[in-house]
Amino acid sequence: MSKSYRWKNPEITVHDAGGLKNFWEKKIEHHAKKVQNEDSRISKSALDKLRCEWAQRLERRIKMLQQPEEVSKKSSLIPIESFPLIDKTVA
């Protein structure tokens, strides 16, 4: 490029191959650090554990709801006769 072209268009900058290589190496290194930090943050997060627990709870709930009503009524209700009557009158 001639000097006259450079003075007419000052917004154009010229870099050599080494400068461009260093620029992109820094960009790649910065991006790699960001990705590594994000992976570390995600691995420390309790979100996966919570999702797993909720999935197990939902599976149990679905199984419970799919059981026949007779079985669930028998297992969940206690007959009144099994409780002893207590006399609450004071002498």
PDB file of N, CA and C in Angstrom:
ATOM      1  N   MET A   1       0.826  -1.177   0.000  1.00  0.00           N
ATOM      2  CA  MET A   1       0.000   0.000   0.000  1.00  0.00           C
ATOM      3  C   MET A   1       0.869   1.239   0.000  1.00  0.00           C
ATOM      4  N   SER A   2       0.430   2.173  -0.734  1.00  0.00           N
ATOM      5  CA  SER A   2       1.198   3.406  -0.805  1.00  0.00           C
ATOM      6  C   SER A   2       0.817   4.317   0.353  1.00  0.00           C
ATOM      7  N   LYS A   3       1.688   5.281   0.657  1.00  0.00           N
ATOM      8  CA  LYS A   3       1.427   6.218   1.744  1.00  0.00           C
ATOM      9  C   LYS A   3       0.181   7.053   1.459  1.00  0.00           C
ATOM     10  N   SER A   4      -0.016   7.397   0.203  1.00  0.00           N
ATOM     11  CA  SER A   4      -1.165   8.238  -0.128  1.00  0.00           C
ATOM     12  C   SER A   4      -2.484   7.501   0.146  1.00  0.00           C
ATOM     13  N   TYR A   5      -2.526   6.193  -0.101  1.00  0.00           N
ATOM     14  CA  TYR A   5      -3.740   5.428   0.166  1.00  0.00           C
ATOM     15  C   TYR A   5      -3.993   5.365   1.666  1.00  0.00           C
ATOM     16  N   ARG A   6      -2.961   5.151   2.450  1.00  0.00           N
ATOM     17  CA  ARG A   6      -3.105   5.043   3.890  1.00  0.00           C
ATOM     18  C   ARG A   6      -3.588   6.358   4.486  1.00  0.00           C
ATOM     19  N   TRP A   7      -3.102   7.492   3.976  1.00  0.00           N
ATOM     20  CA  TRP A   7      -3.528   8.786   4.513  1.00  0.00           C
ATOM     21  C   TRP A   7      -4.956   9.120   4.109  1.00  0.00           C
ATOM     22  N   LYS A   8      -5.402   8.629   2.992  1.00  0.00           N
ATOM     23  CA  LYS A   8      -6.770   8.895   2.551  1.00  0.00           C
ATOM     24  C   LYS A   8      -7.786   8.055   3.338  1.00  0.00           C
ATOM     25  N   ASN A   9      -7.393   6.859   3.777  1.00  0.00           N
ATOM     26  CA  ASN A   9      -8.283   5.943   4.506  1.00  0.00           C
ATOM     27  C   ASN A   9      -7.642   5.551   5.847  1.00  0.00           C
ATOM     28  N   PRO A  10      -7.685   6.442   6.840  1.00  0.00           N
ATOM     29  CA  PRO A  10      -6.987   6.145   8.103  1.00  0.00           C
ATOM     30  C   PRO A  10      -7.650   5.040   8.928  1.00  0.00           C
ATOM     31  N   GLU A  11      -8.916   4.686   8.641  1.00  0.00           N
ATOM     32  CA  GLU A  11      -9.583   3.651   9.428  1.00  0.00           C
ATOM     33  C   GLU A  11      -9.083   2.250   9.103  1.00  0.00           C
ATOM     34  N   ILE A  12      -8.383   2.092   8.033  1.00  0.00           N
ATOM     35  CA  ILE A  12      -7.850   0.792   7.637  1.00  0.00           C
ATOM     36  C   ILE A  12      -6.505   0.604   8.333  1.00  0.00           C
ATOM     37  N   THR A  13      -6.391  -0.487   9.072  1.00  0.00           N
ATOM     38  CA  THR A  13      -5.115  -0.782   9.722  1.00  0.00           C
ATOM     39  C   THR A  13      -4.515  -2.024   9.086  1.00  0.00           C
ATOM     40  N   VAL A  14      -3.236  -2.077   9.087  1.00  0.00           N
ATOM     41  CA  VAL A  14      -2.531  -3.193   8.469  1.00  0.00           C
ATOM     42  C   VAL A  14      -1.832  -3.973   9.566  1.00  0.00           C
ATOM     43  N   HIS A  15      -2.016  -5.285   9.574  1.00  0.00           N
ATOM     44  CA  HIS A  15      -1.362  -6.165  10.551  1.00  0.00           C
ATOM     45  C   HIS A  15      -0.505  -7.171   9.807  1.00  0.00           C
ATOM     46  N   ASP A  16       0.530  -7.550  10.460  1.00  0.00           N
ATOM     47  CA  ASP A  16       1.348  -8.605   9.883  1.00  0.00           C
ATOM     48  C   ASP A  16       0.796  -9.956  10.361  1.00  0.00           C
ATOM     49  N   ALA A  17       1.309 -11.025   9.807  1.00  0.00           N
ATOM     50  CA  ALA A  17       0.798 -12.360  10.118  1.00  0.00           C
ATOM     51  C   ALA A  17       0.995 -12.702  11.593  1.00  0.00           C
ATOM     52  N   GLY A  18       2.115 -12.287  12.167  1.00  0.00           N
ATOM     53  CA  GLY A  18       2.376 -12.568  13.583  1.00  0.00           C
ATOM     54  C   GLY A  18       1.378 -11.876  14.501  1.00  0.00           C
ATOM     55  N   GLY A  19       1.039 -10.633  14.164  1.00  0.00           N
ATOM     56  CA  GLY A  19       0.064  -9.893  14.961  1.00  0.00           C
ATOM     57  C   GLY A  19      -1.313 -10.530  14.905  1.00  0.00           C
ATOM     58  N   LEU A  20      -1.730 -10.956  13.713  1.00  0.00           N
ATOM     59  CA  LEU A  20      -3.030 -11.622  13.579  1.00  0.00           C
ATOM     60  C   LEU A  20      -3.051 -12.953  14.325  1.00  0.00           C
ATOM     61  N   LYS A  21      -1.931 -13.679  14.239  1.00  0.00           N
ATOM     62  CA  LYS A  21      -1.846 -14.965  14.934  1.00  0.00           C
ATOM     63  C   LYS A  21      -1.976 -14.759  16.447  1.00  0.00           C
ATOM     64  N   ASN A  22      -1.265 -13.783  16.988  1.00  0.00           N
ATOM     65  CA  ASN A  22      -1.341 -13.499  18.425  1.00  0.00           C
ATOM     66  C   ASN A  22      -2.756 -13.081  18.836  1.00  0.00           C
ATOM     67  N   PHE A  23      -3.385 -12.250  17.994  1.00  0.00           N
ATOM     68  CA  PHE A  23      -4.746 -11.804  18.290  1.00  0.00           C
ATOM     69  C   PHE A  23      -5.693 -12.992  18.411  1.00  0.00           C
ATOM     70  N   TRP A  24      -5.676 -13.895  17.424  1.00  0.00           N
ATOM     71  CA  TRP A  24      -6.592 -15.033  17.443  1.00  0.00           C
ATOM     72  C   TRP A  24      -6.230 -16.044  18.514  1.00  0.00           C
ATOM     73  N   GLU A  25      -4.953 -16.190  18.836  1.00  0.00           N
ATOM     74  CA  GLU A  25      -4.569 -17.084  19.931  1.00  0.00           C
ATOM     75  C   GLU A  25      -5.118 -16.580  21.258  1.00  0.00           C
ATOM     76  N   LYS A  26      -5.082 -15.267  21.462  1.00  0.00           N
ATOM     77  CA  LYS A  26      -5.647 -14.689  22.685  1.00  0.00           C
ATOM     78  C   LYS A  26      -7.158 -14.893  22.730  1.00  0.00           C
ATOM     79  N   LYS A  27      -7.815 -14.681  21.596  1.00  0.00           N
ATOM     80  CA  LYS A  27      -9.260 -14.884  21.537  1.00  0.00           C
ATOM     81  C   LYS A  27      -9.621 -16.337  21.860  1.00  0.00           C
ATOM     82  N   ILE A  28      -8.900 -17.269  21.276  1.00  0.00           N
ATOM     83  CA  ILE A  28      -9.166 -18.696  21.502  1.00  0.00           C
ATOM     84  C   ILE A  28      -8.902 -19.063  22.963  1.00  0.00           C
ATOM     85  N   GLU A  29      -7.816 -18.553  23.524  1.00  0.00           N
ATOM     86  CA  GLU A  29      -7.485 -18.826  24.920  1.00  0.00           C
ATOM     87  C   GLU A  29      -8.569 -18.272  25.853  1.00  0.00           C
ATOM     88  N   HIS A  30      -9.025 -17.067  25.578  1.00  0.00           N
ATOM     89  CA  HIS A  30     -10.081 -16.448  26.381  1.00  0.00           C
ATOM     90  C   HIS A  30     -11.376 -17.276  26.293  1.00  0.00           C
ATOM     91  N   HIS A  31     -11.708 -17.718  25.092  1.00  0.00           N
ATOM     92  CA  HIS A  31     -12.906 -18.538  24.901  1.00  0.00           C
ATOM     93  C   HIS A  31     -12.773 -19.876  25.629  1.00  0.00           C
ATOM     94  N   ALA A  32     -11.605 -20.490  25.558  1.00  0.00           N
ATOM     95  CA  ALA A  32     -11.384 -21.776  26.234  1.00  0.00           C
ATOM     96  C   ALA A  32     -11.540 -21.616  27.749  1.00  0.00           C
ATOM     97  N   LYS A  33     -11.039 -20.509  28.304  1.00  0.00           N
ATOM     98  CA  LYS A  33     -11.196 -20.258  29.743  1.00  0.00           C
ATOM     99  C   LYS A  33     -12.669 -20.092  30.110  1.00  0.00           C
ATOM    100  N   LYS A  34     -13.422 -19.376  29.277  1.00  0.00           N
ATOM    101  CA  LYS A  34     -14.847 -19.189  29.539  1.00  0.00           C
ATOM    102  C   LYS A  34     -15.590 -20.527  29.530  1.00  0.00           C
ATOM    103  N   VAL A  35     -15.269 -21.365  28.549  1.00  0.00           N
ATOM    104  CA  VAL A  35     -15.912 -22.677  28.455  1.00  0.00           C
ATOM    105  C   VAL A  35     -15.555 -23.529  29.667  1.00  0.00           C
ATOM    106  N   GLN A  36     -14.306 -23.495  30.078  1.00  0.00           N
ATOM    107  CA  GLN A  36     -13.861 -24.270  31.232  1.00  0.00           C
ATOM    108  C   GLN A  36     -14.564 -23.784  32.510  1.00  0.00           C
ATOM    109  N   ASN A  37     -14.666 -22.482  32.684  1.00  0.00           N
ATOM    110  CA  ASN A  37     -15.351 -21.935  33.857  1.00  0.00           C
ATOM    111  C   ASN A  37     -16.833 -22.317  33.856  1.00  0.00           C
ATOM    112  N   GLU A  38     -17.459 -22.290  32.707  1.00  0.00           N
ATOM    113  CA  GLU A  38     -18.873 -22.656  32.608  1.00  0.00           C
ATOM    114  C   GLU A  38     -19.068 -24.145  32.927  1.00  0.00           C
ATOM    115  N   ASP A  39     -18.193 -24.994  32.416  1.00  0.00           N
ATOM    116  CA  ASP A  39     -18.278 -26.427  32.721  1.00  0.00           C
ATOM    117  C   ASP A  39     -18.098 -26.678  34.210  1.00  0.00           C
ATOM    118  N   SER A  40     -17.165 -25.962  34.815  1.00  0.00           N
ATOM    119  CA  SER A  40     -16.939 -26.096  36.249  1.00  0.00           C
ATOM    120  C   SER A  40     -18.163 -25.653  37.035  1.00  0.00           C
ATOM    121  N   ARG A  41     -18.761 -24.556  36.636  1.00  0.00           N
ATOM    122  CA  ARG A  41     -19.952 -24.045  37.319  1.00  0.00           C
ATOM    123  C   ARG A  41     -21.108 -25.036  37.217  1.00  0.00           C
ATOM    124  N   ILE A  42     -21.295 -25.605  36.045  1.00  0.00           N
ATOM    125  CA  ILE A  42     -22.382 -26.557  35.841  1.00  0.00           C
ATOM    126  C   ILE A  42     -22.148 -27.827  36.644  1.00  0.00           C
ATOM    127  N   SER A  43     -20.899 -28.292  36.708  1.00  0.00           N
ATOM    128  CA  SER A  43     -20.621 -29.517  37.458  1.00  0.00           C
ATOM    129  C   SER A  43     -20.834 -29.327  38.956  1.00  0.00           C
ATOM    130  N   LYS A  44     -20.649 -28.111  39.459  1.00  0.00           N
ATOM    131  CA  LYS A  44     -20.859 -27.835  40.880  1.00  0.00           C
ATOM    132  C   LYS A  44     -22.327 -27.577  41.210  1.00  0.00           C
ATOM    133  N   SER A  45     -23.137 -27.368  40.193  1.00  0.00           N
ATOM    134  CA  SER A  45     -24.535 -27.029  40.395  1.00  0.00           C
ATOM    135  C   SER A  45     -25.319 -28.234  40.909  1.00  0.00           C
ATOM    136  N   ALA A  46     -26.320 -27.966  41.735  1.00  0.00           N
ATOM    137  CA  ALA A  46     -27.181 -29.016  42.274  1.00  0.00           C
ATOM    138  C   ALA A  46     -28.387 -29.272  41.383  1.00  0.00           C
ATOM    139  N   LEU A  47     -28.452 -28.615  40.259  1.00  0.00           N
ATOM    140  CA  LEU A  47     -29.619 -28.717  39.393  1.00  0.00           C
ATOM    141  C   LEU A  47     -29.836 -30.134  38.880  1.00  0.00           C
ATOM    142  N   ASP A  48     -28.795 -30.814  38.457  1.00  0.00           N
ATOM    143  CA  ASP A  48     -28.948 -32.181  37.963  1.00  0.00           C
ATOM    144  C   ASP A  48     -29.466 -33.107  39.056  1.00  0.00           C
ATOM    145  N   LYS A  49     -28.957 -32.940  40.262  1.00  0.00           N
ATOM    146  CA  LYS A  49     -29.403 -33.764  41.386  1.00  0.00           C
ATOM    147  C   LYS A  49     -30.884 -33.514  41.665  1.00  0.00           C
ATOM    148  N   LEU A  50     -31.287 -32.242  41.660  1.00  0.00           N
ATOM    149  CA  LEU A  50     -32.687 -31.919  41.898  1.00  0.00           C
ATOM    150  C   LEU A  50     -33.594 -32.471  40.805  1.00  0.00           C
ATOM    151  N   ARG A  51     -33.153 -32.382  39.566  1.00  0.00           N
ATOM    152  CA  ARG A  51     -33.948 -32.928  38.469  1.00  0.00           C
ATOM    153  C   ARG A  51     -34.129 -34.433  38.617  1.00  0.00           C
ATOM    154  N   CYS A  52     -33.070 -35.118  39.018  1.00  0.00           N
ATOM    155  CA  CYS A  52     -33.131 -36.563  39.210  1.00  0.00           C
ATOM    156  C   CYS A  52     -34.104 -36.904  40.334  1.00  0.00           C
ATOM    157  N   GLU A  53     -34.033 -36.187  41.457  1.00  0.00           N
ATOM    158  CA  GLU A  53     -34.939 -36.431  42.572  1.00  0.00           C
ATOM    159  C   GLU A  53     -36.393 -36.202  42.172  1.00  0.00           C
ATOM    160  N   TRP A  54     -36.650 -35.128  41.440  1.00  0.00           N
ATOM    161  CA  TRP A  54     -38.023 -34.848  41.029  1.00  0.00           C
ATOM    162  C   TRP A  54     -38.521 -35.886  40.035  1.00  0.00           C
ATOM    163  N   ALA A  55     -37.660 -36.370  39.171  1.00  0.00           N
ATOM    164  CA  ALA A  55     -38.058 -37.416  38.229  1.00  0.00           C
ATOM    165  C   ALA A  55     -38.443 -38.685  38.982  1.00  0.00           C
ATOM    166  N   GLN A  56     -37.678 -39.035  40.024  1.00  0.00           N
ATOM    167  CA  GLN A  56     -38.007 -40.207  40.833  1.00  0.00           C
ATOM    168  C   GLN A  56     -39.341 -40.007  41.547  1.00  0.00           C
ATOM    169  N   ARG A  57     -39.566 -38.820  42.097  1.00  0.00           N
ATOM    170  CA  ARG A  57     -40.834 -38.544  42.773  1.00  0.00           C
ATOM    171  C   ARG A  57     -42.012 -38.666  41.806  1.00  0.00           C
ATOM    172  N   LEU A  58     -41.833 -38.125  40.608  1.00  0.00           N
ATOM    173  CA  LEU A  58     -42.912 -38.204  39.621  1.00  0.00           C
ATOM    174  C   LEU A  58     -43.187 -39.645  39.211  1.00  0.00           C
ATOM    175  N   GLU A  59     -42.132 -40.442  39.060  1.00  0.00           N
ATOM    176  CA  GLU A  59     -42.319 -41.847  38.707  1.00  0.00           C
ATOM    177  C   GLU A  59     -43.099 -42.570  39.791  1.00  0.00           C
ATOM    178  N   ARG A  60     -42.740 -42.321  41.068  1.00  0.00           N
ATOM    179  CA  ARG A  60     -43.465 -42.952  42.173  1.00  0.00           C
ATOM    180  C   ARG A  60     -44.919 -42.504  42.190  1.00  0.00           C
ATOM    181  N   ARG A  61     -45.153 -41.235  41.957  1.00  0.00           N
ATOM    182  CA  ARG A  61     -46.517 -40.703  41.957  1.00  0.00           C
ATOM    183  C   ARG A  61     -47.335 -41.326  40.829  1.00  0.00           C
ATOM    184  N   ILE A  62     -46.755 -41.457  39.657  1.00  0.00           N
ATOM    185  CA  ILE A  62     -47.455 -42.061  38.530  1.00  0.00           C
ATOM    186  C   ILE A  62     -47.792 -43.516  38.826  1.00  0.00           C
ATOM    187  N   LYS A  63     -46.834 -44.263  39.411  1.00  0.00           N
ATOM    188  CA  LYS A  63     -47.095 -45.653  39.769  1.00  0.00           C
ATOM    189  C   LYS A  63     -48.233 -45.747  40.774  1.00  0.00           C
ATOM    190  N   MET A  64     -48.235 -44.838  41.755  1.00  0.00           N
ATOM    191  CA  MET A  64     -49.272 -44.848  42.766  1.00  0.00           C
ATOM    192  C   MET A  64     -50.642 -44.568  42.146  1.00  0.00           C
ATOM    193  N   LEU A  65     -50.685 -43.625  41.220  1.00  0.00           N
ATOM    194  CA  LEU A  65     -51.948 -43.277  40.590  1.00  0.00           C
ATOM    195  C   LEU A  65     -52.440 -44.357  39.633  1.00  0.00           C
ATOM    196  N   GLN A  66     -51.552 -45.152  39.097  1.00  0.00           N
ATOM    197  CA  GLN A  66     -51.937 -46.195  38.156  1.00  0.00           C
ATOM    198  C   GLN A  66     -52.400 -47.459  38.851  1.00  0.00           C
ATOM    199  N   GLN A  67     -52.166 -47.593  40.148  1.00  0.00           N
ATOM    200  CA  GLN A  67     -52.626 -48.766  40.879  1.00  0.00           C
ATOM    201  C   GLN A  67     -54.146 -48.732  40.958  1.00  0.00           C
ATOM    202  N   PRO A  68     -54.756 -49.903  41.040  1.00  0.00           N
ATOM    203  CA  PRO A  68     -56.224 -49.917  41.192  1.00  0.00           C
ATOM    204  C   PRO A  68     -56.630 -49.212  42.483  1.00  0.00           C
ATOM    205  N   GLU A  69     -57.809 -48.604  42.468  1.00  0.00           N
ATOM    206  CA  GLU A  69     -58.262 -47.835  43.617  1.00  0.00           C
ATOM    207  C   GLU A  69     -58.453 -48.709  44.841  1.00  0.00           C
ATOM    208  N   GLU A  70     -58.892 -49.932  44.678  1.00  0.00           N
ATOM    209  CA  GLU A  70     -59.134 -50.815  45.808  1.00  0.00           C
ATOM    210  C   GLU A  70     -57.847 -51.053  46.597  1.00  0.00           C
ATOM    211  N   VAL A  71     -56.776 -51.293  45.899  1.00  0.00           N
ATOM    212  CA  VAL A  71     -55.506 -51.554  46.565  1.00  0.00           C
ATOM    213  C   VAL A  71     -55.030 -50.311  47.305  1.00  0.00           C
ATOM    214  N   SER A  72     -55.146 -49.161  46.675  1.00  0.00           N
ATOM    215  CA  SER A  72     -54.685 -47.942  47.318  1.00  0.00           C
ATOM    216  C   SER A  72     -55.561 -47.577  48.507  1.00  0.00           C
ATOM    217  N   LYS A  73     -56.887 -47.835  48.422  1.00  0.00           N
ATOM    218  CA  LYS A  73     -57.769 -47.544  49.551  1.00  0.00           C
ATOM    219  C   LYS A  73     -57.452 -48.441  50.731  1.00  0.00           C
ATOM    220  N   LYS A  74     -57.229 -49.715  50.479  1.00  0.00           N
ATOM    221  CA  LYS A  74     -56.937 -50.650  51.559  1.00  0.00           C
ATOM    222  C   LYS A  74     -55.619 -50.296  52.243  1.00  0.00           C
ATOM    223  N   SER A  75     -54.646 -49.920  51.494  1.00  0.00           N
ATOM    224  CA  SER A  75     -53.338 -49.663  52.084  1.00  0.00           C
ATOM    225  C   SER A  75     -53.261 -48.298  52.759  1.00  0.00           C
ATOM    226  N   SER A  76     -54.068 -47.336  52.324  1.00  0.00           N
ATOM    227  CA  SER A  76     -53.936 -45.994  52.876  1.00  0.00           C
ATOM    228  C   SER A  76     -54.905 -45.704  54.016  1.00  0.00           C
ATOM    229  N   LEU A  77     -56.019 -46.433  54.096  1.00  0.00           N
ATOM    230  CA  LEU A  77     -57.000 -46.148  55.127  1.00  0.00           C
ATOM    231  C   LEU A  77     -56.904 -47.174  56.255  1.00  0.00           C
ATOM    232  N   ILE A  78     -56.997 -46.694  57.476  1.00  0.00           N
ATOM    233  CA  ILE A  78     -56.969 -47.561  58.649  1.00  0.00           C
ATOM    234  C   ILE A  78     -58.399 -47.612  59.189  1.00  0.00           C
ATOM    235  N   PRO A  79     -58.919 -48.802  59.440  1.00  0.00           N
ATOM    236  CA  PRO A  79     -60.281 -48.886  59.941  1.00  0.00           C
ATOM    237  C   PRO A  79     -60.414 -48.242  61.321  1.00  0.00           C
ATOM    238  N   ILE A  80     -61.582 -47.678  61.570  1.00  0.00           N
ATOM    239  CA  ILE A  80     -61.832 -46.999  62.839  1.00  0.00           C
ATOM    240  C   ILE A  80     -61.779 -47.977  64.008  1.00  0.00           C
ATOM    241  N   GLU A  81     -62.165 -49.226  63.804  1.00  0.00           N
ATOM    242  CA  GLU A  81     -62.186 -50.215  64.867  1.00  0.00           C
ATOM    243  C   GLU A  81     -60.799 -50.458  65.469  1.00  0.00           C
ATOM    244  N   SER A  82     -59.759 -50.149  64.757  1.00  0.00           N
ATOM    245  CA  SER A  82     -58.419 -50.419  65.263  1.00  0.00           C
ATOM    246  C   SER A  82     -57.982 -49.417  66.334  1.00  0.00           C
ATOM    247  N   PHE A  83     -58.695 -48.289  66.450  1.00  0.00           N
ATOM    248  CA  PHE A  83     -58.351 -47.297  67.464  1.00  0.00           C
ATOM    249  C   PHE A  83     -59.158 -47.550  68.735  1.00  0.00           C
ATOM    250  N   PRO A  84     -58.514 -47.619  69.908  1.00  0.00           N
ATOM    251  CA  PRO A  84     -59.261 -47.828  71.151  1.00  0.00           C
ATOM    252  C   PRO A  84     -60.010 -46.556  71.536  1.00  0.00           C
ATOM    253  N   LEU A  85     -61.198 -46.725  72.101  1.00  0.00           N
ATOM    254  CA  LEU A  85     -61.982 -45.585  72.547  1.00  0.00           C
ATOM    255  C   LEU A  85     -61.490 -45.148  73.916  1.00  0.00           C
ATOM    256  N   ILE A  86     -61.276 -43.890  74.077  1.00  0.00           N
ATOM    257  CA  ILE A  86     -60.767 -43.358  75.338  1.00  0.00           C
ATOM    258  C   ILE A  86     -61.895 -42.551  75.991  1.00  0.00           C
ATOM    259  N   ASP A  87     -62.176 -42.835  77.254  1.00  0.00           N
ATOM    260  CA  ASP A  87     -63.213 -42.121  77.981  1.00  0.00           C
ATOM    261  C   ASP A  87     -62.631 -40.823  78.486  1.00  0.00           C
ATOM    262  N   LYS A  88     -63.165 -39.704  78.015  1.00  0.00           N
ATOM    263  CA  LYS A  88     -62.618 -38.410  78.368  1.00  0.00           C
ATOM    264  C   LYS A  88     -63.375 -37.762  79.521  1.00  0.00           C
ATOM    265  N   THR A  89     -64.327 -38.469  80.148  1.00  0.00           N
ATOM    266  CA  THR A  89     -65.057 -37.871  81.262  1.00  0.00           C
ATOM    267  C   THR A  89     -64.238 -37.956  82.508  1.00  0.00           C
ATOM    268  N   VAL A  90     -64.298 -36.919  83.296  1.00  0.00           N
ATOM    269  CA  VAL A  90     -63.530 -36.863  84.547  1.00  0.00           C
ATOM    270  C   VAL A  90     -64.476 -37.222  85.695  1.00  0.00           C
ATOM    271  N   ALA A  91     -64.030 -38.054  86.600  1.00  0.00           N
ATOM    272  CA  ALA A  91     -64.868 -38.486  87.708  1.00  0.00           C
ATOM    273  C   ALA A  91     -65.027 -37.439  88.764  1.00  0.00           C
TER     274      ALA A  91
END
